[in-house]
Amino acid sequence: MINNAITFLLETILGLLSIAFLLRFYFQLTKASFQNQFAQLIVTLTNFAVKPLRRIVPSLGKIDISTLLLAYLTQLIMHILALLLKGFPLFVAGNSVWPVILGVALLGIISSSISIFLYAVLIQAVLSWVNPHTLAFIILAQLLLTTILIPLENTLFASLYVPH
């Protein structure tokens, strides 16, 4: 019973931290203004880990690898601790289990990224109906969605187009 509560708490905290790292990565990727209150909140929440890791892991051009790596490591730690709390014999299972765990952490990053974009679309739509003057979040959501999703949409529809 207590293991379930600890697992829930662990997955919630580490999942939200992973999403915060991903949001910071996408804000930097889309060149979002960090003068925005929401962006400042994300930067404040993630600075404790990003600043020290940036000294070790360099950026690739304009892509900040350290925040993406932290999101992945957070997912990896979350899955490893969840398995240990559920009683999985992780260190006895052998080397064949580690690629699966690494892959599950990568799938967690992909799933969280898709969730970020879906919730950004949903929140942007609801805020445009309810209160279109909440500029702080709408500007970030619109920048995030137009920079990432429109090229993806164009690529997807170009591959589906069949000339007559």
N, C-alpha and C. Protein backbone atom coordinates (compact mmCIF):
# COMPACT_ATOMS: atom_id res chain seq x y z
N MET A 1 0.82 -1.19 0.00
CA MET A 1 0.00 0.00 0.00
C MET A 1 0.86 1.26 0.00
N ILE A 2 1.88 1.29 0.84
CA ILE A 2 2.74 2.46 0.91
C ILE A 2 3.59 2.57 -0.36
N ASN A 3 3.92 1.43 -0.97
CA ASN A 3 4.70 1.46 -2.22
C ASN A 3 3.91 2.13 -3.34
N ASN A 4 2.60 1.89 -3.37
CA ASN A 4 1.76 2.54 -4.38
C ASN A 4 1.74 4.05 -4.19
N ALA A 5 1.65 4.50 -2.95
CA ALA A 5 1.63 5.93 -2.68
C ALA A 5 2.98 6.57 -3.04
N ILE A 6 4.06 5.90 -2.69
CA ILE A 6 5.39 6.42 -3.01
C ILE A 6 5.61 6.43 -4.51
N THR A 7 5.17 5.38 -5.19
CA THR A 7 5.30 5.32 -6.65
C THR A 7 4.50 6.44 -7.31
N PHE A 8 3.28 6.67 -6.84
CA PHE A 8 2.46 7.75 -7.39
C PHE A 8 3.13 9.10 -7.18
N LEU A 9 3.61 9.34 -5.98
CA LEU A 9 4.27 10.60 -5.67
C LEU A 9 5.53 10.79 -6.50
N LEU A 10 6.31 9.74 -6.62
CA LEU A 10 7.54 9.78 -7.41
C LEU A 10 7.26 10.04 -8.88
N GLU A 11 6.29 9.34 -9.46
CA GLU A 11 5.96 9.54 -10.87
C GLU A 11 5.38 10.92 -11.12
N THR A 12 4.62 11.44 -10.17
CA THR A 12 4.05 12.78 -10.34
C THR A 12 5.14 13.85 -10.31
N ILE A 13 5.99 13.81 -9.31
CA ILE A 13 7.03 14.83 -9.17
C ILE A 13 8.04 14.76 -10.30
N LEU A 14 8.54 13.56 -10.60
CA LEU A 14 9.53 13.43 -11.66
C LEU A 14 8.92 13.65 -13.04
N GLY A 15 7.66 13.29 -13.22
CA GLY A 15 6.98 13.55 -14.49
C GLY A 15 6.81 15.03 -14.75
N LEU A 16 6.41 15.78 -13.71
CA LEU A 16 6.27 17.23 -13.86
C LEU A 16 7.62 17.90 -14.07
N LEU A 17 8.65 17.40 -13.41
CA LEU A 17 9.99 17.95 -13.61
C LEU A 17 10.48 17.69 -15.04
N SER A 18 10.19 16.51 -15.54
CA SER A 18 10.55 16.18 -16.92
C SER A 18 9.82 17.09 -17.91
N ILE A 19 8.55 17.36 -17.65
CA ILE A 19 7.78 18.27 -18.52
C ILE A 19 8.35 19.68 -18.43
N ALA A 20 8.77 20.10 -17.25
CA ALA A 20 9.37 21.43 -17.11
C ALA A 20 10.67 21.53 -17.92
N PHE A 21 11.49 20.47 -17.88
CA PHE A 21 12.71 20.47 -18.69
C PHE A 21 12.38 20.51 -20.18
N LEU A 22 11.37 19.75 -20.59
CA LEU A 22 10.98 19.75 -22.00
C LEU A 22 10.42 21.10 -22.43
N LEU A 23 9.62 21.73 -21.57
CA LEU A 23 9.10 23.05 -21.90
C LEU A 23 10.24 24.05 -22.08
N ARG A 24 11.23 23.99 -21.20
CA ARG A 24 12.38 24.89 -21.33
C ARG A 24 13.12 24.62 -22.64
N PHE A 25 13.28 23.34 -22.98
CA PHE A 25 13.94 22.99 -24.24
C PHE A 25 13.18 23.54 -25.43
N TYR A 26 11.85 23.36 -25.44
CA TYR A 26 11.05 23.84 -26.57
C TYR A 26 10.98 25.36 -26.61
N PHE A 27 10.96 26.01 -25.45
CA PHE A 27 10.99 27.47 -25.45
C PHE A 27 12.29 28.00 -26.04
N GLN A 28 13.40 27.33 -25.71
CA GLN A 28 14.69 27.76 -26.28
C GLN A 28 14.76 27.44 -27.76
N LEU A 29 14.19 26.32 -28.15
CA LEU A 29 14.21 25.91 -29.55
C LEU A 29 13.39 26.87 -30.42
N THR A 30 12.28 27.36 -29.88
CA THR A 30 11.42 28.25 -30.64
C THR A 30 11.75 29.72 -30.44
N LYS A 31 12.80 29.99 -29.67
CA LYS A 31 13.24 31.36 -29.38
C LYS A 31 12.14 32.18 -28.72
N ALA A 32 11.46 31.56 -27.77
CA ALA A 32 10.41 32.26 -27.03
C ALA A 32 11.04 33.30 -26.11
N SER A 33 10.31 34.35 -25.85
CA SER A 33 10.79 35.41 -24.96
C SER A 33 10.74 34.92 -23.52
N PHE A 34 11.85 35.03 -22.84
CA PHE A 34 11.88 34.61 -21.44
C PHE A 34 11.49 35.76 -20.51
N GLN A 35 10.94 36.84 -21.06
CA GLN A 35 10.38 37.91 -20.25
C GLN A 35 8.95 37.56 -19.83
N ASN A 36 8.38 36.53 -20.45
CA ASN A 36 7.05 36.06 -20.14
C ASN A 36 7.04 35.44 -18.75
N GLN A 37 5.97 35.64 -17.99
CA GLN A 37 5.89 35.12 -16.62
C GLN A 37 5.92 33.60 -16.58
N PHE A 38 5.24 32.95 -17.50
CA PHE A 38 5.23 31.48 -17.53
C PHE A 38 6.61 30.94 -17.86
N ALA A 39 7.29 31.56 -18.82
CA ALA A 39 8.64 31.13 -19.18
C ALA A 39 9.61 31.37 -18.02
N GLN A 40 9.44 32.47 -17.30
CA GLN A 40 10.29 32.74 -16.15
C GLN A 40 10.08 31.70 -15.06
N LEU A 41 8.84 31.24 -14.89
CA LEU A 41 8.55 30.19 -13.92
C LEU A 41 9.28 28.90 -14.30
N ILE A 42 9.23 28.53 -15.56
CA ILE A 42 9.90 27.31 -16.03
C ILE A 42 11.41 27.43 -15.85
N VAL A 43 11.97 28.59 -16.18
CA VAL A 43 13.42 28.79 -16.02
C VAL A 43 13.80 28.71 -14.55
N THR A 44 13.01 29.32 -13.68
CA THR A 44 13.31 29.29 -12.25
C THR A 44 13.24 27.87 -11.70
N LEU A 45 12.26 27.10 -12.14
CA LEU A 45 12.11 25.73 -11.66
C LEU A 45 13.23 24.80 -12.14
N THR A 46 13.82 25.11 -13.28
CA THR A 46 14.80 24.18 -13.86
C THR A 46 16.25 24.65 -13.75
N ASN A 47 16.47 25.87 -13.30
CA ASN A 47 17.83 26.40 -13.22
C ASN A 47 18.74 25.59 -12.31
N PHE A 48 18.19 24.97 -11.27
CA PHE A 48 19.02 24.24 -10.32
C PHE A 48 19.81 23.11 -10.99
N ALA A 49 19.28 22.54 -12.04
CA ALA A 49 19.95 21.43 -12.71
C ALA A 49 20.56 21.83 -14.05
N VAL A 50 19.94 22.78 -14.74
CA VAL A 50 20.41 23.14 -16.09
C VAL A 50 21.74 23.89 -16.03
N LYS A 51 21.87 24.83 -15.12
CA LYS A 51 23.09 25.64 -15.07
C LYS A 51 24.34 24.80 -14.82
N PRO A 52 24.35 23.88 -13.85
CA PRO A 52 25.57 23.07 -13.67
C PRO A 52 25.85 22.13 -14.85
N LEU A 53 24.79 21.59 -15.45
CA LEU A 53 25.00 20.65 -16.55
C LEU A 53 25.48 21.36 -17.82
N ARG A 54 25.11 22.62 -17.99
CA ARG A 54 25.57 23.37 -19.17
C ARG A 54 27.09 23.54 -19.19
N ARG A 55 27.70 23.52 -18.02
CA ARG A 55 29.16 23.63 -17.98
C ARG A 55 29.83 22.36 -18.51
N ILE A 56 29.12 21.25 -18.41
CA ILE A 56 29.67 19.95 -18.83
C ILE A 56 29.25 19.59 -20.24
N VAL A 57 27.96 19.77 -20.55
CA VAL A 57 27.40 19.38 -21.85
C VAL A 57 27.23 20.64 -22.70
N PRO A 58 27.99 20.75 -23.79
CA PRO A 58 27.85 21.95 -24.62
C PRO A 58 26.61 21.87 -25.51
N SER A 59 26.21 23.03 -25.99
CA SER A 59 25.07 23.10 -26.92
C SER A 59 25.53 22.70 -28.32
N LEU A 60 24.60 22.19 -29.11
CA LEU A 60 24.86 21.89 -30.52
C LEU A 60 24.23 23.01 -31.33
N GLY A 61 25.02 24.00 -31.67
CA GLY A 61 24.48 25.15 -32.38
C GLY A 61 23.55 25.92 -31.48
N LYS A 62 22.29 26.01 -31.88
CA LYS A 62 21.30 26.71 -31.07
C LYS A 62 20.44 25.74 -30.25
N ILE A 63 20.77 24.47 -30.28
CA ILE A 63 20.01 23.46 -29.56
C ILE A 63 20.70 23.18 -28.23
N ASP A 64 19.97 23.41 -27.14
CA ASP A 64 20.50 23.19 -25.80
C ASP A 64 20.30 21.72 -25.43
N ILE A 65 21.36 20.96 -25.53
CA ILE A 65 21.28 19.53 -25.27
C ILE A 65 21.11 19.23 -23.78
N SER A 66 21.61 20.11 -22.92
CA SER A 66 21.57 19.83 -21.48
C SER A 66 20.14 19.71 -20.95
N THR A 67 19.23 20.55 -21.40
CA THR A 67 17.85 20.45 -20.91
C THR A 67 17.16 19.20 -21.45
N LEU A 68 17.46 18.84 -22.67
CA LEU A 68 16.88 17.61 -23.23
C LEU A 68 17.45 16.39 -22.52
N LEU A 69 18.74 16.42 -22.22
CA LEU A 69 19.37 15.33 -21.49
C LEU A 69 18.79 15.21 -20.08
N LEU A 70 18.55 16.34 -19.43
CA LEU A 70 17.95 16.30 -18.10
C LEU A 70 16.53 15.74 -18.13
N ALA A 71 15.77 16.07 -19.15
CA ALA A 71 14.42 15.50 -19.28
C ALA A 71 14.51 13.99 -19.45
N TYR A 72 15.45 13.54 -20.26
CA TYR A 72 15.62 12.09 -20.47
C TYR A 72 16.08 11.40 -19.18
N LEU A 73 17.05 12.00 -18.50
CA LEU A 73 17.54 11.39 -17.26
C LEU A 73 16.45 11.36 -16.18
N THR A 74 15.62 12.37 -16.15
CA THR A 74 14.51 12.38 -15.20
C THR A 74 13.54 11.24 -15.50
N GLN A 75 13.22 11.05 -16.77
CA GLN A 75 12.35 9.92 -17.15
C GLN A 75 13.02 8.58 -16.81
N LEU A 76 14.30 8.48 -17.07
CA LEU A 76 15.03 7.23 -16.80
C LEU A 76 15.03 6.93 -15.30
N ILE A 77 15.32 7.92 -14.48
CA ILE A 77 15.31 7.72 -13.03
C ILE A 77 13.92 7.37 -12.55
N MET A 78 12.92 8.01 -13.11
CA MET A 78 11.54 7.72 -12.71
C MET A 78 11.19 6.26 -12.99
N HIS A 79 11.55 5.77 -14.17
CA HIS A 79 11.21 4.39 -14.52
C HIS A 79 12.02 3.38 -13.71
N ILE A 80 13.28 3.66 -13.47
CA ILE A 80 14.10 2.75 -12.67
C ILE A 80 13.59 2.67 -11.24
N LEU A 81 13.31 3.82 -10.62
CA LEU A 81 12.80 3.80 -9.25
C LEU A 81 11.42 3.17 -9.15
N ALA A 82 10.58 3.38 -10.16
CA ALA A 82 9.26 2.74 -10.16
C ALA A 82 9.40 1.22 -10.24
N LEU A 83 10.31 0.75 -11.07
CA LEU A 83 10.53 -0.70 -11.15
C LEU A 83 11.06 -1.26 -9.84
N LEU A 84 11.97 -0.55 -9.21
CA LEU A 84 12.51 -1.01 -7.93
C LEU A 84 11.45 -1.02 -6.84
N LEU A 85 10.59 -0.02 -6.82
CA LEU A 85 9.52 0.02 -5.82
C LEU A 85 8.47 -1.07 -6.03
N LYS A 86 8.30 -1.49 -7.27
CA LYS A 86 7.35 -2.56 -7.57
C LYS A 86 7.94 -3.94 -7.35
N GLY A 87 9.21 -4.00 -6.96
CA GLY A 87 9.83 -5.27 -6.63
C GLY A 87 10.49 -5.97 -7.80
N PHE A 88 10.73 -5.28 -8.89
CA PHE A 88 11.37 -5.88 -10.05
C PHE A 88 12.85 -6.11 -9.74
N PRO A 89 13.36 -7.31 -9.97
CA PRO A 89 14.78 -7.59 -9.68
C PRO A 89 15.68 -6.99 -10.76
N LEU A 90 15.85 -5.70 -10.71
CA LEU A 90 16.53 -4.96 -11.76
C LEU A 90 17.99 -5.36 -11.91
N PHE A 91 18.67 -5.51 -10.81
CA PHE A 91 20.11 -5.80 -10.87
C PHE A 91 20.40 -7.28 -11.05
N VAL A 92 19.38 -8.11 -10.93
CA VAL A 92 19.53 -9.55 -11.14
C VAL A 92 19.09 -9.94 -12.54
N ALA A 93 18.29 -9.09 -13.18
CA ALA A 93 17.67 -9.41 -14.46
C ALA A 93 18.67 -9.54 -15.60
N GLY A 94 19.84 -8.96 -15.47
CA GLY A 94 20.84 -9.08 -16.54
C GLY A 94 20.89 -7.85 -17.41
N ASN A 95 21.76 -7.91 -18.38
CA ASN A 95 21.99 -6.76 -19.25
C ASN A 95 20.91 -6.57 -20.31
N SER A 96 20.11 -7.57 -20.57
CA SER A 96 19.11 -7.46 -21.63
C SER A 96 17.96 -6.54 -21.25
N VAL A 97 17.80 -6.21 -19.98
CA VAL A 97 16.69 -5.36 -19.56
C VAL A 97 17.02 -3.87 -19.72
N TRP A 98 18.30 -3.52 -19.74
CA TRP A 98 18.68 -2.11 -19.79
C TRP A 98 18.32 -1.42 -21.10
N PRO A 99 18.49 -2.04 -22.26
CA PRO A 99 18.02 -1.36 -23.48
C PRO A 99 16.51 -1.11 -23.49
N VAL A 100 15.77 -2.01 -22.87
CA VAL A 100 14.32 -1.82 -22.79
C VAL A 100 14.00 -0.63 -21.89
N ILE A 101 14.69 -0.52 -20.76
CA ILE A 101 14.45 0.59 -19.84
C ILE A 101 14.85 1.91 -20.50
N LEU A 102 15.96 1.93 -21.22
CA LEU A 102 16.38 3.14 -21.93
C LEU A 102 15.36 3.52 -23.01
N GLY A 103 14.82 2.52 -23.69
CA GLY A 103 13.79 2.77 -24.70
C GLY A 103 12.49 3.27 -24.10
N VAL A 104 12.12 2.74 -22.94
CA VAL A 104 10.90 3.19 -22.27
C VAL A 104 11.05 4.65 -21.82
N ALA A 105 12.24 5.02 -21.37
CA ALA A 105 12.48 6.42 -20.99
C ALA A 105 12.39 7.33 -22.21
N LEU A 106 12.90 6.88 -23.35
CA LEU A 106 12.79 7.66 -24.58
C LEU A 106 11.33 7.80 -25.01
N LEU A 107 10.57 6.71 -24.89
CA LEU A 107 9.14 6.79 -25.19
C LEU A 107 8.41 7.73 -24.24
N GLY A 108 8.88 7.80 -22.99
CA GLY A 108 8.30 8.74 -22.03
C GLY A 108 8.53 10.17 -22.46
N ILE A 109 9.72 10.47 -23.01
CA ILE A 109 10.02 11.81 -23.51
C ILE A 109 9.13 12.13 -24.71
N ILE A 110 8.99 11.18 -25.62
CA ILE A 110 8.14 11.40 -26.80
C ILE A 110 6.69 11.59 -26.39
N SER A 111 6.22 10.78 -25.46
CA SER A 111 4.84 10.90 -24.97
C SER A 111 4.61 12.24 -24.27
N SER A 112 5.56 12.67 -23.46
CA SER A 112 5.43 13.96 -22.79
C SER A 112 5.45 15.11 -23.78
N SER A 113 6.26 14.99 -24.82
CA SER A 113 6.32 16.04 -25.84
C SER A 113 4.99 16.15 -26.59
N ILE A 114 4.43 15.01 -26.94
CA ILE A 114 3.12 15.03 -27.61
C ILE A 114 2.06 15.62 -26.69
N SER A 115 2.12 15.27 -25.42
CA SER A 115 1.15 15.82 -24.45
C SER A 115 1.30 17.33 -24.33
N ILE A 116 2.53 17.82 -24.32
CA ILE A 116 2.75 19.27 -24.24
C ILE A 116 2.07 19.97 -25.40
N PHE A 117 2.26 19.45 -26.61
CA PHE A 117 1.67 20.10 -27.78
C PHE A 117 0.16 19.98 -27.79
N LEU A 118 -0.38 18.84 -27.40
CA LEU A 118 -1.83 18.68 -27.37
C LEU A 118 -2.47 19.59 -26.33
N TYR A 119 -1.87 19.67 -25.15
CA TYR A 119 -2.42 20.55 -24.12
C TYR A 119 -2.25 22.02 -24.50
N ALA A 120 -1.18 22.36 -25.21
CA ALA A 120 -1.01 23.75 -25.66
C ALA A 120 -2.12 24.13 -26.63
N VAL A 121 -2.47 23.23 -27.53
CA VAL A 121 -3.57 23.50 -28.47
C VAL A 121 -4.89 23.64 -27.71
N LEU A 122 -5.14 22.73 -26.78
CA LEU A 122 -6.38 22.75 -26.02
C LEU A 122 -6.49 24.00 -25.15
N ILE A 123 -5.43 24.34 -24.44
CA ILE A 123 -5.46 25.52 -23.57
C ILE A 123 -5.57 26.79 -24.40
N GLN A 124 -4.89 26.84 -25.53
CA GLN A 124 -4.99 28.01 -26.39
C GLN A 124 -6.42 28.18 -26.90
N ALA A 125 -7.06 27.09 -27.28
CA ALA A 125 -8.44 27.18 -27.77
C ALA A 125 -9.39 27.62 -26.67
N VAL A 126 -9.25 27.05 -25.48
CA VAL A 126 -10.15 27.42 -24.38
C VAL A 126 -9.93 28.86 -23.96
N LEU A 127 -8.67 29.28 -23.85
CA LEU A 127 -8.40 30.66 -23.45
C LEU A 127 -8.86 31.67 -24.49
N SER A 128 -8.85 31.30 -25.75
CA SER A 128 -9.32 32.22 -26.78
C SER A 128 -10.84 32.41 -26.69
N TRP A 129 -11.55 31.41 -26.17
CA TRP A 129 -12.99 31.55 -25.99
C TRP A 129 -13.32 32.28 -24.69
N VAL A 130 -12.66 31.87 -23.62
CA VAL A 130 -12.99 32.37 -22.29
C VAL A 130 -12.42 33.78 -22.07
N ASN A 131 -11.12 33.92 -22.24
CA ASN A 131 -10.47 35.20 -21.97
C ASN A 131 -9.36 35.41 -23.00
N PRO A 132 -9.69 36.03 -24.11
CA PRO A 132 -8.68 36.20 -25.16
C PRO A 132 -7.58 37.19 -24.80
N HIS A 133 -7.68 37.82 -23.64
CA HIS A 133 -6.68 38.82 -23.26
C HIS A 133 -5.61 38.27 -22.33
N THR A 134 -5.55 36.95 -22.15
CA THR A 134 -4.48 36.35 -21.35
C THR A 134 -3.28 36.15 -22.26
N LEU A 135 -2.58 37.20 -22.52
CA LEU A 135 -1.50 37.19 -23.49
C LEU A 135 -0.30 36.38 -23.06
N ALA A 136 -0.05 36.29 -21.77
CA ALA A 136 1.17 35.62 -21.29
C ALA A 136 1.29 34.20 -21.82
N PHE A 137 0.22 33.44 -21.70
CA PHE A 137 0.29 32.05 -22.14
C PHE A 137 -0.01 31.90 -23.62
N ILE A 138 -0.93 32.70 -24.14
CA ILE A 138 -1.33 32.55 -25.54
C ILE A 138 -0.15 32.82 -26.47
N ILE A 139 0.65 33.83 -26.15
CA ILE A 139 1.81 34.13 -27.01
C ILE A 139 2.79 32.97 -27.02
N LEU A 140 3.07 32.41 -25.84
CA LEU A 140 3.99 31.26 -25.78
C LEU A 140 3.42 30.05 -26.51
N ALA A 141 2.15 29.77 -26.29
CA ALA A 141 1.53 28.61 -26.94
C ALA A 141 1.51 28.77 -28.45
N GLN A 142 1.19 29.97 -28.91
CA GLN A 142 1.14 30.19 -30.35
C GLN A 142 2.52 30.07 -30.98
N LEU A 143 3.53 30.62 -30.31
CA LEU A 143 4.90 30.51 -30.82
C LEU A 143 5.35 29.05 -30.85
N LEU A 144 5.04 28.33 -29.79
CA LEU A 144 5.41 26.92 -29.71
C LEU A 144 4.72 26.12 -30.80
N LEU A 145 3.43 26.36 -30.98
CA LEU A 145 2.66 25.59 -31.94
C LEU A 145 3.03 25.93 -33.38
N THR A 146 3.20 27.20 -33.68
CA THR A 146 3.50 27.57 -35.07
C THR A 146 4.91 27.16 -35.47
N THR A 147 5.85 27.21 -34.54
CA THR A 147 7.23 26.86 -34.89
C THR A 147 7.41 25.36 -35.06
N ILE A 148 6.73 24.58 -34.26
CA ILE A 148 6.94 23.13 -34.28
C ILE A 148 5.88 22.41 -35.12
N LEU A 149 4.62 22.73 -34.91
CA LEU A 149 3.57 21.92 -35.52
C LEU A 149 3.28 22.26 -36.99
N ILE A 150 3.44 23.51 -37.40
CA ILE A 150 3.14 23.85 -38.79
C ILE A 150 4.09 23.17 -39.77
N PRO A 151 5.42 23.15 -39.53
CA PRO A 151 6.28 22.37 -40.43
C PRO A 151 5.94 20.88 -40.42
N LEU A 152 5.55 20.36 -39.26
CA LEU A 152 5.15 18.95 -39.18
C LEU A 152 3.87 18.72 -39.97
N GLU A 153 2.93 19.64 -39.86
CA GLU A 153 1.68 19.54 -40.61
C GLU A 153 1.93 19.61 -42.12
N ASN A 154 2.78 20.53 -42.55
CA ASN A 154 3.09 20.65 -43.98
C ASN A 154 3.75 19.38 -44.51
N THR A 155 4.64 18.80 -43.74
CA THR A 155 5.31 17.57 -44.15
C THR A 155 4.32 16.41 -44.23
N LEU A 156 3.44 16.34 -43.24
CA LEU A 156 2.46 15.26 -43.20
C LEU A 156 1.49 15.36 -44.37
N PHE A 157 0.96 16.55 -44.64
CA PHE A 157 0.00 16.70 -45.72
C PHE A 157 0.67 16.58 -47.09
N ALA A 158 1.94 16.97 -47.19
CA ALA A 158 2.66 16.81 -48.46
C ALA A 158 2.86 15.32 -48.79
N SER A 159 3.06 14.51 -47.75
CA SER A 159 3.24 13.09 -47.99
C SER A 159 1.91 12.41 -48.31
N LEU A 160 0.78 12.98 -47.87
CA LEU A 160 -0.52 12.41 -48.15
C LEU A 160 -1.12 12.87 -49.48
N TYR A 161 -0.56 13.92 -50.04
CA TYR A 161 -1.09 14.48 -51.28
C TYR A 161 -0.81 13.54 -52.45
N VAL A 162 -1.86 13.21 -53.17
CA VAL A 162 -1.74 12.35 -54.35
C VAL A 162 -2.24 13.15 -55.56
N PRO A 163 -1.35 13.50 -56.51
CA PRO A 163 -1.81 14.28 -57.67
C PRO A 163 -2.66 13.40 -58.58
N HIS A 164 -3.61 14.03 -59.26
CA HIS A 164 -4.49 13.29 -60.19
C HIS A 164 -3.90 13.27 -61.57
